[in-house]
Structures are given as C-alpha cells and as structure tokens.
C-alpha atoms as a PDB file:
ATOM      1  CA  MET A   1      15.839  11.518  13.003  1.00  0.00           C
ATOM      2  CA  GLU A   2      12.556  10.681  12.625  1.00  0.00           C
ATOM      3  CA  PRO A   3      12.426   7.905   9.670  1.00  0.00           C
ATOM      4  CA  TRP A   4      10.963   9.355   6.744  1.00  0.00           C
ATOM      5  CA  TYR A   5       7.853   7.844   7.624  1.00  0.00           C
ATOM      6  CA  GLU A   6       6.731   9.384  10.451  1.00  0.00           C
ATOM      7  CA  TRP A   7       6.852  12.950   9.319  1.00  0.00           C
ATOM      8  CA  SER A   8       6.050  12.591   5.306  1.00  0.00           C
ATOM      9  CA  PHE A   9       2.176  11.215   5.596  1.00  0.00           C
ATOM     10  CA  GLN A  10       0.727  14.587   6.911  1.00  0.00           C
ATOM     11  CA  GLU A  11      -1.522  17.330   5.659  1.00  0.00           C
ATOM     12  CA  ASP A  12       0.224  18.021   3.091  1.00  0.00           C
ATOM     13  CA  TYR A  13       0.422  14.350   1.365  1.00  0.00           C
ATOM     14  CA  LEU A  14      -3.150  15.307   1.016  1.00  0.00           C
ATOM     15  CA  LYS A  15      -2.395  17.635  -1.264  1.00  0.00           C
ATOM     16  CA  ILE A  16      -0.116  16.235  -3.414  1.00  0.00           C
ATOM     17  CA  TYR A  17      -2.702  12.779  -3.704  1.00  0.00           C
ATOM     18  CA  ALA A  18      -5.291  14.774  -4.141  1.00  0.00           C
ATOM     19  CA  HIS A  19      -6.306  13.027  -7.341  1.00  0.00           C
ATOM     20  CA  ARG A  20      -6.735   9.517  -5.827  1.00  0.00           C
ATOM     21  CA  ASP A  21     -10.125   8.513  -4.734  1.00  0.00           C
ATOM     22  CA  GLU A  22     -12.861   6.023  -4.454  1.00  0.00           C
ATOM     23  CA  ASN A  23     -13.259   5.766  -7.907  1.00  0.00           C
ATOM     24  CA  GLN A  24      -9.829   4.827  -8.621  1.00  0.00           C
ATOM     25  CA  ALA A  25      -9.809   2.668  -5.582  1.00  0.00           C
ATOM     26  CA  MET A  26     -12.526   0.595  -7.682  1.00  0.00           C
ATOM     27  CA  ARG A  27     -10.460   0.750 -10.585  1.00  0.00           C
ATOM     28  CA  GLU A  28      -7.632  -0.887  -8.764  1.00  0.00           C
ATOM     29  CA  LEU A  29      -9.010  -3.573  -7.047  1.00  0.00           C
ATOM     30  CA  GLU A  30     -12.317  -4.231  -9.531  1.00  0.00           C
ATOM     31  CA  LYS A  31     -10.821  -6.934 -11.147  1.00  0.00           C
ATOM     32  CA  LEU A  32      -7.970  -8.085  -8.880  1.00  0.00           C
ATOM     33  CA  LEU A  33     -11.010  -8.933  -6.319  1.00  0.00           C
ATOM     34  CA  THR A  34     -12.412 -11.316  -8.918  1.00  0.00           C
ATOM     35  CA  TYR A  35      -9.168 -13.670  -8.629  1.00  0.00           C
ATOM     36  CA  ILE A  36     -10.189 -13.602  -4.745  1.00  0.00           C
ATOM     37  CA  PRO A  37     -12.872 -15.921  -3.479  1.00  0.00           C
ATOM     38  CA  HIS A  38     -15.259 -14.088  -1.201  1.00  0.00           C
ATOM     39  CA  LYS A  39     -18.535 -13.744   0.341  1.00  0.00           C
ATOM     40  CA  PRO A  40     -20.114 -10.678   2.525  1.00  0.00           C
ATOM     41  CA  ARG A  41     -18.915  -9.709   5.646  1.00  0.00           C
ATOM     42  CA  GLN A  42     -15.892 -11.744   5.191  1.00  0.00           C
ATOM     43  CA  LYS A  43     -13.431  -9.646   7.412  1.00  0.00           C
ATOM     44  CA  VAL A  44     -10.795  -7.656   6.099  1.00  0.00           C
ATOM     45  CA  LEU A  45      -7.383  -5.792   7.024  1.00  0.00           C
ATOM     46  CA  ASP A  46      -6.749  -2.486   4.759  1.00  0.00           C
ATOM     47  CA  LEU A  47      -2.800  -2.441   6.582  1.00  0.00           C
ATOM     48  CA  CYS A  48      -1.411   1.175   5.635  1.00  0.00           C
ATOM     49  CA  CYS A  49      -4.902   2.275   4.723  1.00  0.00           C
ATOM     50  CA  GLY A  50      -3.894   5.817   4.370  1.00  0.00           C
ATOM     51  CA  GLN A  51      -6.753   7.993   3.837  1.00  0.00           C
ATOM     52  CA  GLY A  52      -9.366   5.153   3.431  1.00  0.00           C
ATOM     53  CA  ARG A  53     -10.325   5.163  -0.087  1.00  0.00           C
ATOM     54  CA  HIS A  54      -9.544   1.330  -0.303  1.00  0.00           C
ATOM     55  CA  SER A  55     -11.150   0.609   2.924  1.00  0.00           C
ATOM     56  CA  ARG A  56     -14.768   3.038   2.099  1.00  0.00           C
ATOM     57  CA  TRP A  57     -15.006   0.995  -1.674  1.00  0.00           C
ATOM     58  CA  LEU A  58     -13.912  -2.625   0.247  1.00  0.00           C
ATOM     59  CA  ASP A  59     -16.801  -1.682   2.635  1.00  0.00           C
ATOM     60  CA  ARG A  60     -19.368  -0.501  -0.069  1.00  0.00           C
ATOM     61  CA  GLN A  61     -18.476  -4.188  -1.464  1.00  0.00           C
ATOM     62  CA  GLY A  62     -19.974  -6.302   1.679  1.00  0.00           C
ATOM     63  CA  PHE A  63     -16.536  -6.777   3.662  1.00  0.00           C
ATOM     64  CA  ASP A  64     -15.960  -5.674   7.267  1.00  0.00           C
ATOM     65  CA  VAL A  65     -13.323  -3.511   7.260  1.00  0.00           C
ATOM     66  CA  VAL A  66     -10.543  -2.638   9.782  1.00  0.00           C
ATOM     67  CA  GLY A  67      -7.930   0.116   8.083  1.00  0.00           C
ATOM     68  CA  VAL A  68      -4.546   0.528  10.084  1.00  0.00           C
ATOM     69  CA  ASP A  69      -1.979   2.973   9.458  1.00  0.00           C
ATOM     70  CA  LEU A  70       0.703   5.003  11.311  1.00  0.00           C
ATOM     71  CA  SER A  71      -0.296   8.348  10.221  1.00  0.00           C
ATOM     72  CA  SER A  72      -2.539   9.659  13.030  1.00  0.00           C
ATOM     73  CA  VAL A  73      -3.559  12.700  10.130  1.00  0.00           C
ATOM     74  CA  LEU A  74      -4.543  10.690   7.615  1.00  0.00           C
ATOM     75  CA  LEU A  75      -6.727   8.429   9.834  1.00  0.00           C
ATOM     76  CA  GLN A  76      -8.524  11.735  10.978  1.00  0.00           C
ATOM     77  CA  GLU A  77      -8.796  11.834   7.344  1.00  0.00           C
ATOM     78  CA  ALA A  78     -10.248   8.499   7.110  1.00  0.00           C
ATOM     79  CA  ILE A  79     -12.545   8.945   9.648  1.00  0.00           C
ATOM     80  CA  LYS A  80     -14.161  11.977   8.595  1.00  0.00           C
ATOM     81  CA  ASN A  81     -14.839  10.646   5.045  1.00  0.00           C
ATOM     82  CA  THR A  82     -16.104   7.586   6.334  1.00  0.00           C
ATOM     83  CA  LEU A  83     -19.287   8.733   8.977  1.00  0.00           C
ATOM     84  CA  ASP A  84     -22.171   6.957   6.916  1.00  0.00           C
ATOM     85  CA  LEU A  85     -19.986   3.610   6.860  1.00  0.00           C
ATOM     86  CA  PRO A  86     -19.249   1.314   9.575  1.00  0.00           C
ATOM     87  CA  VAL A  87     -15.046   0.855   9.085  1.00  0.00           C
ATOM     88  CA  GLN A  88     -13.039   0.013  11.913  1.00  0.00           C
ATOM     89  CA  TYR A  89      -9.494   2.474  12.003  1.00  0.00           C
ATOM     90  CA  MET A  90      -6.821   1.907  14.500  1.00  0.00           C
ATOM     91  CA  ARG A  91      -3.219   3.404  14.374  1.00  0.00           C
ATOM     92  CA  ALA A  92      -0.944   1.066  14.485  1.00  0.00           C
ATOM     93  CA  ASP A  93       3.048   0.122  13.131  1.00  0.00           C
ATOM     94  CA  ALA A  94       2.790  -2.414  10.441  1.00  0.00           C
ATOM     95  CA  ARG A  95       5.276  -4.124  11.651  1.00  0.00           C
ATOM     96  CA  ARG A  96       3.052  -4.735  14.623  1.00  0.00           C
ATOM     97  CA  VAL A  97      -0.452  -5.041  13.894  1.00  0.00           C
ATOM     98  CA  ARG A  98      -2.047  -7.819  16.792  1.00  0.00           C
ATOM     99  CA  PHE A  99      -4.623  -9.717  15.077  1.00  0.00           C
ATOM    100  CA  ASN A 100      -4.647 -13.268  15.691  1.00  0.00           C
ATOM    101  CA  GLU A 101      -6.279 -14.981  12.575  1.00  0.00           C
ATOM    102  CA  GLU A 102      -9.141 -12.905  12.718  1.00  0.00           C
ATOM    103  CA  MET A 103      -8.729 -11.592   8.803  1.00  0.00           C
ATOM    104  CA  ASP A 104     -10.595 -13.355   5.702  1.00  0.00           C
ATOM    105  CA  LEU A 105      -8.301 -10.959   3.509  1.00  0.00           C
ATOM    106  CA  VAL A 106      -5.350  -8.402   3.702  1.00  0.00           C
ATOM    107  CA  VAL A 107      -5.011  -6.102   1.389  1.00  0.00           C
ATOM    108  CA  ASN A 108      -1.137  -3.896   1.167  1.00  0.00           C
ATOM    109  CA  LEU A 109      -2.054  -1.093  -1.508  1.00  0.00           C
ATOM    110  CA  PHE A 110      -0.033   1.797  -3.504  1.00  0.00           C
ATOM    111  CA  THR A 111       3.425   0.811  -2.724  1.00  0.00           C
ATOM    112  CA  SER A 112       3.146   0.244   1.169  1.00  0.00           C
ATOM    113  CA  PHE A 113       6.047  -2.043   1.577  1.00  0.00           C
ATOM    114  CA  GLY A 114       9.560  -1.809   1.540  1.00  0.00           C
ATOM    115  CA  TYR A 115       9.393   1.439   3.835  1.00  0.00           C
ATOM    116  CA  PHE A 116      12.196   0.148   6.533  1.00  0.00           C
ATOM    117  CA  ASP A 117      15.898  -0.373   5.409  1.00  0.00           C
ATOM    118  CA  GLU A 118      16.260  -3.761   6.571  1.00  0.00           C
ATOM    119  CA  ASP A 119      14.886  -6.595   5.091  1.00  0.00           C
ATOM    120  CA  GLU A 120      14.129  -8.396   8.760  1.00  0.00           C
ATOM    121  CA  GLU A 121      11.761  -5.117   9.317  1.00  0.00           C
ATOM    122  CA  ASN A 122       9.501  -5.604   5.422  1.00  0.00           C
ATOM    123  CA  GLU A 123       9.475  -9.599   6.457  1.00  0.00           C
ATOM    124  CA  GLN A 124       7.920  -8.151   9.964  1.00  0.00           C
ATOM    125  CA  VAL A 125       5.175  -6.831   7.919  1.00  0.00           C
ATOM    126  CA  LEU A 126       5.108 -10.040   6.101  1.00  0.00           C
ATOM    127  CA  HIS A 127       4.824 -12.121   9.482  1.00  0.00           C
ATOM    128  CA  ALA A 128       2.014  -9.433  10.791  1.00  0.00           C
ATOM    129  CA  VAL A 129      -0.124 -10.237   8.151  1.00  0.00           C
ATOM    130  CA  SER A 130       0.203 -14.115   8.131  1.00  0.00           C
ATOM    131  CA  ARG A 131      -0.369 -13.883  11.833  1.00  0.00           C
ATOM    132  CA  SER A 132      -3.499 -11.768  11.253  1.00  0.00           C
ATOM    133  CA  LEU A 133      -5.328 -14.128   8.339  1.00  0.00           C
ATOM    134  CA  LYS A 134      -7.301 -16.850   9.167  1.00  0.00           C
ATOM    135  CA  PRO A 135      -5.691 -20.688   7.967  1.00  0.00           C
ATOM    136  CA  ARG A 136      -6.665 -20.071   4.100  1.00  0.00           C
ATOM    137  CA  GLY A 137      -6.980 -16.290   3.862  1.00  0.00           C
ATOM    138  CA  TYR A 138      -5.691 -14.143   1.145  1.00  0.00           C
ATOM    139  CA  PHE A 139      -3.592 -11.547   0.995  1.00  0.00           C
ATOM    140  CA  LEU A 140      -3.159  -8.931  -1.772  1.00  0.00           C
ATOM    141  CA  LEU A 141      -0.129  -7.208  -2.207  1.00  0.00           C
ATOM    142  CA  ASP A 142       0.160  -3.897  -4.644  1.00  0.00           C
ATOM    143  CA  TYR A 143       3.946  -3.168  -4.902  1.00  0.00           C
ATOM    144  CA  LEU A 144       5.979  -1.000  -7.756  1.00  0.00           C
ATOM    145  CA  ASN A 145       8.162  -3.261 -10.207  1.00  0.00           C
ATOM    146  CA  PRO A 146      11.704  -2.689  -9.689  1.00  0.00           C
ATOM    147  CA  ASP A 147      13.042  -3.466 -12.966  1.00  0.00           C
ATOM    148  CA  PHE A 148      10.059  -1.551 -14.990  1.00  0.00           C
ATOM    149  CA  LEU A 149      11.260   1.332 -12.514  1.00  0.00           C
ATOM    150  CA  THR A 150      14.678   1.103 -14.087  1.00  0.00           C
ATOM    151  CA  THR A 151      13.586   2.041 -17.905  1.00  0.00           C
ATOM    152  CA  ASN A 152      10.476   4.477 -16.798  1.00  0.00           C
ATOM    153  CA  LEU A 153      11.611   6.615 -13.678  1.00  0.00           C
ATOM    154  CA  GLU A 154      10.224   9.912 -14.460  1.00  0.00           C
ATOM    155  CA  PRO A 155      12.997  12.215 -13.004  1.00  0.00           C
ATOM    156  CA  PHE A 156      11.098  15.283 -12.653  1.00  0.00           C
ATOM    157  CA  THR A 157       7.423  16.173 -12.629  1.00  0.00           C
ATOM    158  CA  GLN A 158       5.983  19.671 -11.702  1.00  0.00           C
ATOM    159  CA  THR A 159       1.927  20.532 -10.975  1.00  0.00           C
ATOM    160  CA  PHE A 160       0.005  23.005  -9.979  1.00  0.00           C
ATOM    161  CA  MET A 161      -3.406  22.828  -8.573  1.00  0.00           C
ATOM    162  CA  LYS A 162      -4.905  26.361  -7.326  1.00  0.00           C
ATOM    163  CA  ASN A 163      -2.234  28.460  -5.230  1.00  0.00           C
ATOM    164  CA  ILE A 164       0.162  25.674  -5.083  1.00  0.00           C
ATOM    165  CA  GLU A 165       2.933  23.916  -6.666  1.00  0.00           C
ATOM    166  CA  ILE A 166       4.543  20.687  -6.139  1.00  0.00           C
ATOM    167  CA  LEU A 167       7.702  19.301  -7.530  1.00  0.00           C
ATOM    168  CA  GLN A 168       9.163  15.745  -7.415  1.00  0.00           C
ATOM    169  CA  TYR A 169      12.767  14.748  -7.918  1.00  0.00           C
ATOM    170  CA  ARG A 170      12.882  10.888  -8.312  1.00  0.00           C
ATOM    171  CA  THR A 171      16.400   8.798  -8.016  1.00  0.00           C
ATOM    172  CA  LEU A 172      17.114   5.304  -8.264  1.00  0.00           C
ATOM    173  CA  THR A 173      19.777   3.327  -6.651  1.00  0.00           C
ATOM    174  CA  GLU A 174      20.247  -0.591  -6.375  1.00  0.00           C
ATOM    175  CA  GLN A 175      17.938  -0.596  -3.178  1.00  0.00           C
ATOM    176  CA  TYR A 176      15.764   1.985  -3.290  1.00  0.00           C
ATOM    177  CA  VAL A 177      13.791   4.839  -5.013  1.00  0.00           C
ATOM    178  CA  HIS A 178      13.824   7.874  -3.208  1.00  0.00           C
ATOM    179  CA  LYS A 179      11.356  10.484  -4.394  1.00  0.00           C
ATOM    180  CA  ARG A 180      12.390  14.321  -3.073  1.00  0.00           C
ATOM    181  CA  ILE A 181       8.818  16.537  -2.841  1.00  0.00           C
ATOM    182  CA  ILE A 182       9.505  20.136  -2.657  1.00  0.00           C
ATOM    183  CA  ILE A 183       5.367  21.780  -2.388  1.00  0.00           C
ATOM    184  CA  LYS A 184       5.284  25.962  -2.784  1.00  0.00           C
ATOM    185  CA  GLU A 185       2.213  27.391  -1.036  1.00  0.00           C
ATOM    186  CA  ASP A 186       2.130  31.619  -1.273  1.00  0.00           C
ATOM    187  CA  GLU A 187       5.638  32.342   0.598  1.00  0.00           C
ATOM    188  CA  THR A 188       6.080  29.233   2.347  1.00  0.00           C
ATOM    189  CA  GLU A 189       8.003  25.811   1.208  1.00  0.00           C
ATOM    190  CA  LYS A 190       8.206  22.646   2.538  1.00  0.00           C
ATOM    191  CA  SER A 191      10.324  19.708   1.595  1.00  0.00           C
ATOM    192  CA  TYR A 192       9.475  15.863   1.921  1.00  0.00           C
ATOM    193  CA  GLU A 193      11.282  12.441   1.228  1.00  0.00           C
ATOM    194  CA  GLU A 194       9.772   9.388   0.023  1.00  0.00           C
ATOM    195  CA  LYS A 195      11.822   5.841  -0.099  1.00  0.00           C
ATOM    196  CA  VAL A 196      10.738   2.609  -0.724  1.00  0.00           C
ATOM    197  CA  LYS A 197      13.427  -0.768  -0.652  1.00  0.00           C
ATOM    198  CA  LEU A 198      13.477  -2.305  -4.112  1.00  0.00           C
ATOM    199  CA  TYR A 199      12.671  -6.325  -4.265  1.00  0.00           C
ATOM    200  CA  ARG A 200      12.218  -7.783  -7.153  1.00  0.00           C
ATOM    201  CA  LEU A 201       9.677 -11.199  -7.706  1.00  0.00           C
ATOM    202  CA  GLU A 202      12.081 -13.719  -6.567  1.00  0.00           C
ATOM    203  CA  GLN A 203      13.244 -12.060  -3.755  1.00  0.00           C
ATOM    204  CA  LEU A 204      10.220 -11.728  -2.327  1.00  0.00           C
ATOM    205  CA  VAL A 205       8.428 -15.345  -3.058  1.00  0.00           C
ATOM    206  CA  PRO A 206      10.561 -16.501  -0.465  1.00  0.00           C
ATOM    207  CA  MET A 207      10.349 -13.975   2.331  1.00  0.00           C
ATOM    208  CA  LEU A 208       6.422 -14.731   1.390  1.00  0.00           C
ATOM    209  CA  GLU A 209       6.777 -18.547   1.671  1.00  0.00           C
ATOM    210  CA  ARG A 210       8.912 -18.085   5.324  1.00  0.00           C
ATOM    211  CA  ASN A 211       5.547 -16.609   6.338  1.00  0.00           C
ATOM    212  CA  HIS A 212       3.228 -18.857   5.098  1.00  0.00           C
ATOM    213  CA  LEU A 213       1.874 -16.357   2.227  1.00  0.00           C
ATOM    214  CA  HIS A 214       1.849 -18.588  -1.029  1.00  0.00           C
ATOM    215  CA  LEU A 215       1.915 -17.365  -4.222  1.00  0.00           C
ATOM    216  CA  GLN A 216      -1.056 -17.466  -6.215  1.00  0.00           C
ATOM    217  CA  TYR A 217      -1.190 -14.956  -9.299  1.00  0.00           C
ATOM    218  CA  VAL A 218       1.267 -12.488 -10.217  1.00  0.00           C
ATOM    219  CA  PHE A 219      -0.318  -9.523 -12.090  1.00  0.00           C
ATOM    220  CA  GLY A 220       1.366  -6.303 -14.035  1.00  0.00           C
ATOM    221  CA  ASN A 221      -1.074  -3.971 -13.385  1.00  0.00           C
ATOM    222  CA  TYR A 222      -4.441  -3.450 -11.988  1.00  0.00           C
ATOM    223  CA  ASP A 223      -6.071  -4.440 -15.518  1.00  0.00           C
ATOM    224  CA  THR A 224      -4.748  -8.751 -14.210  1.00  0.00           C
ATOM    225  CA  SER A 225      -2.579  -8.346 -17.138  1.00  0.00           C
ATOM    226  CA  GLY A 226       0.389 -10.955 -17.567  1.00  0.00           C
ATOM    227  CA  PHE A 227       3.550  -9.872 -15.278  1.00  0.00           C
ATOM    228  CA  ILE A 228       6.468  -9.683 -17.598  1.00  0.00           C
ATOM    229  CA  ALA A 229       9.528  -8.090 -15.537  1.00  0.00           C
ATOM    230  CA  SER A 230      10.750  -5.478 -18.084  1.00  0.00           C
ATOM    231  CA  THR A 231       7.423  -3.888 -18.973  1.00  0.00           C
ATOM    232  CA  SER A 232       4.718  -3.937 -16.357  1.00  0.00           C
ATOM    233  CA  PRO A 233       4.466  -1.187 -14.474  1.00  0.00           C
ATOM    234  CA  ARG A 234       3.401  -2.918 -10.974  1.00  0.00           C
ATOM    235  CA  MET A 235       4.068  -6.016  -9.573  1.00  0.00           C
ATOM    236  CA  ILE A 236       1.054  -7.232  -7.724  1.00  0.00           C
ATOM    237  CA  LEU A 237       0.925 -10.710  -5.813  1.00  0.00           C
ATOM    238  CA  ILE A 238      -2.036 -12.625  -4.579  1.00  0.00           C
ATOM    239  CA  CYS A 239      -1.142 -15.127  -1.685  1.00  0.00           C
ATOM    240  CA  ARG A 240      -3.019 -17.659   0.273  1.00  0.00           C
ATOM    241  CA  LYS A 241      -1.853 -18.862   3.723  1.00  0.00           C
ATOM    242  CA  ASN A 242      -2.125 -22.265   4.299  1.00  0.00           C
ATOM    243  CA  LYS A 243      -1.552 -23.152   7.805  1.00  0.00           C
ATOM    244  CA  ASN A 244      -1.249 -21.674  10.840  1.00  0.00           C
ATOM    245  CA  LEU A 245       2.300 -20.207  12.306  1.00  0.00           C
END
C-alpha cells in the first residue's frame, strides 16, 4: 500500500486548503524573516512547497527560489500560478534532495515534517536540509506543537464550499496526530488520510544538532511570540548551519 503522503496531495487537497493563499503566506513569513539575515538574490529552497504560495511570496521579496515537492499535481498547480515569476520547481522526495551547499536559506512550512513512521527517515529530511545549506546558512522549520494539540485538538470540523462538503476527523495518539478527510461533491465521496509524527522540542533539538543545524530561536506562532509548550499553537524553529557535513 502506498504511504498516505503519496496519494493525499491531489486535486482535492487544493479544495481542502483553498483558503491558504499568498496573503496568508505573507502573514506567516513576514515577521519571521526579520530574524534571518538576508539580502537580495540569495538562494532559497522551499522544501515541500505544495502549490507554491510561499515560493511566490519569497520570490517577490527578492530571493531566488527553488520549490521542491513530491506531488506532481501540486507542482503543476504551482507552475500554473507562477508563470510571471522565475521560481524553479522540482519534483523530489524531501529525504533525497540533491543540493550541495547551494542554499542560503531552507524553509519547511505548514507542518511538512514528520510524515514518516521511522525517526531515521524524518532525520534524513534534516540531513538533506543541512547538505543543501551553505555553511552558516539558515533553516526555518514551521511545525505543530504536540503539547498544545493534546488540549486543543478539534476532533471534528465540517465546512461547505459551493457544492462541496468537507468533513475532517482528528485523533491524537501518543506518537501521531491523524486526520481523516471526507469530501462529498455531487454524488461522489472520497476519503483521505494525513498522519504526522509528533516531536517535542527536546526531541527535535538533538536531531537538528546531529545534522549541524543549531537552534537560534523558537517561536510559538507566526507573530514571533515566545514559545510556551502548553499554550503556543505552533513550534517554529530558526536554526543555523555552522559547519560542513
């Protein structure tokens, strides 16, 4: 059976997250970037770029952007919406990107980490990030906060978009947050799964350190508020690579 991430990110994903646009990308990144020294034409890797909303916003800020994703459907959407910009898009598994100290900044946004069952596989993503970065380059990881989820998880939401009904069921186990999504459109019904492995800060930091990604800042949301494990909705890490692998 194919892993969930190989079949969930299709055309229906664009319907589920249609409200996520470049204006929201700006709100998510604008303040965070003030903590990362940067200048025009630096090279940025948007790892797990999806339909490219962050890639396009970063390009408009003067970066040279490469967006990488595994989903050919989302990449096609990204290309379609980026015809007026020089963003490069590539299809690749996040564990196996092959850049070699080319990037000034790598971003991994909107909880695109923790997709694999084994810790070693998730750490392969961090290894690929570190290998991609120039020495003293920066890594921005936008991840969920497991402790916040334990008390604030919404077990069920229902939304309507024209003739589409979207049902989302969420459950939490010791190691994972699971989401089951049902999309009802006209006479059809489709079901998808999302599953993210949970890592707390004290688990993430050693994984990052082993890959020469040294923590500089931890924020609890996109507004750069301080991280408080019990109350912060996000866990956003800014790291710096300080040596070669």
